[in-house]
N, C-alpha and C. Protein backbone atom coordinates (compact mmCIF):
# COMPACT_ATOMS: atom_id res chain seq x y z
N MET A 1 -5.12 69.81 -22.45
CA MET A 1 -3.67 69.28 -21.96
C MET A 1 -3.33 69.62 -20.53
N ALA A 2 -3.53 70.91 -20.20
CA ALA A 2 -3.26 71.43 -18.70
C ALA A 2 -4.34 70.46 -17.67
N GLN A 3 -5.25 70.24 -18.25
CA GLN A 3 -6.50 69.52 -17.38
C GLN A 3 -5.50 68.09 -16.90
N PHE A 4 -5.14 67.51 -18.12
CA PHE A 4 -4.43 66.03 -18.06
C PHE A 4 -3.24 66.36 -17.11
N SER A 5 -2.48 67.05 -17.26
CA SER A 5 -1.19 67.57 -16.64
C SER A 5 -1.66 67.60 -15.07
N ASN A 6 -2.65 68.46 -14.73
CA ASN A 6 -3.25 68.45 -13.46
C ASN A 6 -3.70 67.30 -12.61
N LEU A 7 -4.25 66.24 -13.43
CA LEU A 7 -4.98 65.10 -13.06
C LEU A 7 -3.81 64.34 -12.68
N ALA A 8 -2.82 64.16 -13.54
CA ALA A 8 -1.54 63.34 -13.50
C ALA A 8 -0.84 63.43 -11.97
N ARG A 9 -0.90 64.97 -11.87
CA ARG A 9 0.04 65.59 -10.83
C ARG A 9 -0.71 64.98 -9.45
N CYS A 10 -2.05 65.19 -9.65
CA CYS A 10 -2.83 65.00 -8.20
C CYS A 10 -3.07 63.45 -8.10
N GLN A 11 -2.77 62.59 -9.15
CA GLN A 11 -2.78 61.15 -8.89
C GLN A 11 -1.43 60.65 -8.22
N ARG A 12 -0.38 61.22 -8.66
CA ARG A 12 1.04 60.84 -8.13
C ARG A 12 0.83 61.36 -6.60
N ILE A 13 0.39 62.58 -6.42
CA ILE A 13 0.46 63.15 -4.96
C ILE A 13 -0.33 62.23 -4.08
N GLN A 14 -1.38 61.59 -4.50
CA GLN A 14 -2.49 60.60 -3.76
C GLN A 14 -1.74 59.36 -3.77
N ALA A 15 -0.70 58.97 -4.64
CA ALA A 15 -0.10 57.78 -4.43
C ALA A 15 1.10 57.82 -3.25
N ILE A 16 1.55 59.15 -3.22
CA ILE A 16 2.94 59.39 -2.39
C ILE A 16 2.45 59.39 -0.95
N LYS A 17 1.24 59.88 -0.76
CA LYS A 17 0.62 60.07 0.59
C LYS A 17 0.97 58.45 1.38
N PRO A 18 0.21 57.77 1.10
CA PRO A 18 0.33 56.33 1.60
C PRO A 18 1.81 55.80 1.81
N LEU A 19 2.29 56.24 0.95
CA LEU A 19 3.63 55.72 0.82
C LEU A 19 4.60 56.23 1.91
N ARG A 20 4.44 57.45 2.11
CA ARG A 20 4.92 58.34 3.19
C ARG A 20 4.33 57.97 4.71
N ARG A 21 3.07 57.78 4.67
CA ARG A 21 2.35 57.30 5.92
C ARG A 21 2.95 55.89 6.24
N ARG A 22 3.13 54.96 5.44
CA ARG A 22 3.47 53.72 5.79
C ARG A 22 4.98 53.55 6.18
N ALA A 23 5.90 54.43 5.53
CA ALA A 23 7.07 54.60 5.85
C ALA A 23 7.44 55.31 7.44
N THR A 24 6.53 56.00 7.78
CA THR A 24 6.61 56.43 9.05
C THR A 24 6.23 55.34 10.52
N GLU A 25 5.59 54.19 9.54
CA GLU A 25 5.11 52.94 10.51
C GLU A 25 6.70 52.26 10.98
N PHE A 26 7.53 52.28 10.01
CA PHE A 26 8.75 51.84 10.34
C PHE A 26 9.82 52.61 10.70
N GLY A 27 9.52 53.73 10.98
CA GLY A 27 10.53 54.86 11.57
C GLY A 27 11.26 55.66 10.63
N VAL A 28 10.82 55.49 9.32
CA VAL A 28 11.45 56.22 8.34
C VAL A 28 10.55 57.81 7.93
N ILE A 29 11.22 58.58 7.74
CA ILE A 29 10.54 59.92 7.92
C ILE A 29 11.39 60.52 6.86
N ALA A 30 10.35 61.41 6.02
CA ALA A 30 10.60 61.87 4.81
C ALA A 30 9.96 63.61 4.70
N ALA A 31 10.64 64.53 4.01
CA ALA A 31 10.30 65.45 4.09
C ALA A 31 9.35 65.74 2.93
N LYS A 32 8.09 66.62 2.93
CA LYS A 32 7.06 66.73 2.20
C LYS A 32 7.65 66.89 0.81
N GLY A 33 6.60 66.72 -0.17
CA GLY A 33 7.26 67.33 -1.43
C GLY A 33 7.49 65.92 -2.49
N THR A 34 6.90 66.08 -3.67
CA THR A 34 7.14 64.86 -4.66
C THR A 34 8.78 64.90 -4.92
N ILE A 35 9.53 65.73 -4.76
CA ILE A 35 11.07 65.59 -5.12
C ILE A 35 11.57 64.54 -4.15
N LYS A 36 11.20 64.69 -2.93
CA LYS A 36 11.96 64.03 -1.79
C LYS A 36 11.45 62.48 -1.87
N VAL A 37 10.55 61.97 -2.66
CA VAL A 37 10.07 60.67 -2.78
C VAL A 37 11.48 59.97 -3.16
N ALA A 38 12.17 60.49 -4.13
CA ALA A 38 13.20 59.47 -4.48
C ALA A 38 14.38 58.89 -3.26
N THR A 39 14.67 60.23 -2.24
CA THR A 39 15.01 60.10 -1.50
C THR A 39 14.62 58.82 -0.18
N LEU A 40 13.43 59.04 -0.28
CA LEU A 40 12.74 58.35 0.69
C LEU A 40 12.48 56.77 0.44
N LEU A 41 12.38 56.66 -1.17
CA LEU A 41 12.60 55.18 -1.49
C LEU A 41 14.02 54.40 -1.40
N THR A 42 15.05 55.31 -1.62
CA THR A 42 16.18 54.77 -1.16
C THR A 42 16.66 54.67 0.11
N ASP A 43 16.33 55.63 1.20
CA ASP A 43 16.12 55.12 2.63
C ASP A 43 15.54 53.88 2.88
N LEU A 44 14.48 53.57 2.45
CA LEU A 44 13.40 52.50 2.70
C LEU A 44 14.23 51.07 2.26
N ALA A 45 15.12 51.31 1.07
CA ALA A 45 15.51 50.08 0.51
C ALA A 45 16.72 50.02 1.31
N ALA A 46 17.41 51.01 1.95
CA ALA A 46 18.78 50.54 2.78
C ALA A 46 18.27 50.08 4.12
N GLU A 47 17.21 50.60 4.62
CA GLU A 47 16.80 50.32 6.15
C GLU A 47 16.90 48.64 6.37
N SER A 48 17.79 48.35 6.81
CA SER A 48 18.06 46.81 7.40
C SER A 48 16.87 46.48 8.56
N ALA A 49 16.22 47.17 9.05
CA ALA A 49 15.32 46.94 10.09
C ALA A 49 13.98 46.65 9.66
N ILE A 50 13.66 46.85 8.16
CA ILE A 50 12.29 46.69 7.61
C ILE A 50 12.59 45.54 6.91
N PHE A 51 11.37 44.49 7.26
CA PHE A 51 11.25 43.18 6.56
C PHE A 51 11.22 43.38 5.06
N VAL A 52 11.99 42.28 4.23
CA VAL A 52 12.33 42.32 2.95
C VAL A 52 11.16 42.39 2.30
N THR A 53 9.99 41.94 2.60
CA THR A 53 8.73 41.85 2.24
C THR A 53 8.41 43.36 2.24
N ALA A 54 8.25 43.89 2.96
CA ALA A 54 8.03 45.41 3.02
C ALA A 54 8.95 46.37 2.17
N ARG A 55 10.04 45.83 1.99
CA ARG A 55 10.98 46.55 1.13
C ARG A 55 10.49 46.34 -0.31
N VAL A 56 10.17 45.28 -0.39
CA VAL A 56 9.82 44.98 -1.91
C VAL A 56 8.29 45.68 -2.34
N ILE A 57 7.60 45.85 -1.33
CA ILE A 57 6.36 46.35 -1.72
C ILE A 57 6.30 47.81 -1.90
N PHE A 58 7.37 48.64 -1.00
CA PHE A 58 7.87 50.24 -1.21
C PHE A 58 8.44 50.13 -2.38
N GLY A 59 9.22 49.27 -2.80
CA GLY A 59 9.75 49.49 -4.22
C GLY A 59 8.43 49.44 -5.38
N GLN A 60 7.55 48.42 -5.23
CA GLN A 60 6.61 48.60 -6.08
C GLN A 60 5.63 49.66 -5.92
N MET A 61 5.49 50.35 -5.09
CA MET A 61 4.50 51.55 -4.80
C MET A 61 5.56 52.72 -5.31
N GLY A 62 7.15 52.60 -5.40
CA GLY A 62 7.70 53.76 -6.01
C GLY A 62 7.34 53.39 -7.49
N THR A 63 7.57 52.25 -7.95
CA THR A 63 7.19 52.07 -9.35
C THR A 63 6.20 52.74 -10.09
N GLN A 64 4.88 52.49 -9.09
CA GLN A 64 3.62 52.86 -9.57
C GLN A 64 3.53 54.78 -9.55
N ILE A 65 4.64 55.28 -8.60
CA ILE A 65 4.60 56.76 -8.58
C ILE A 65 5.48 57.33 -9.71
N LYS A 66 6.24 56.28 -10.04
CA LYS A 66 7.09 56.59 -11.49
C LYS A 66 8.30 57.69 -10.91
N VAL A 67 8.72 57.58 -10.09
CA VAL A 67 9.88 58.37 -9.59
C VAL A 67 11.08 58.63 -10.51
N PRO A 68 11.24 59.78 -11.15
CA PRO A 68 12.87 59.88 -11.77
C PRO A 68 13.65 59.83 -10.84
N TYR A 69 14.87 58.95 -11.42
CA TYR A 69 15.97 59.07 -10.62
C TYR A 69 17.15 59.67 -11.60
């Protein structure tokens, strides 16, 4: 059970890294840590300078990460 938990945690972290990296391309910076992802996604959704298509993609990335709100 612990091995599954560790695997799920590692996969989640690996999914967060590209989200954070792509957000910086649009000038949205977030603190490290899995807890800060919900704030990052909220900031990305509210940023009017980001194209609508990019905001939709960021939202899809967030659902794959399964961020608790």
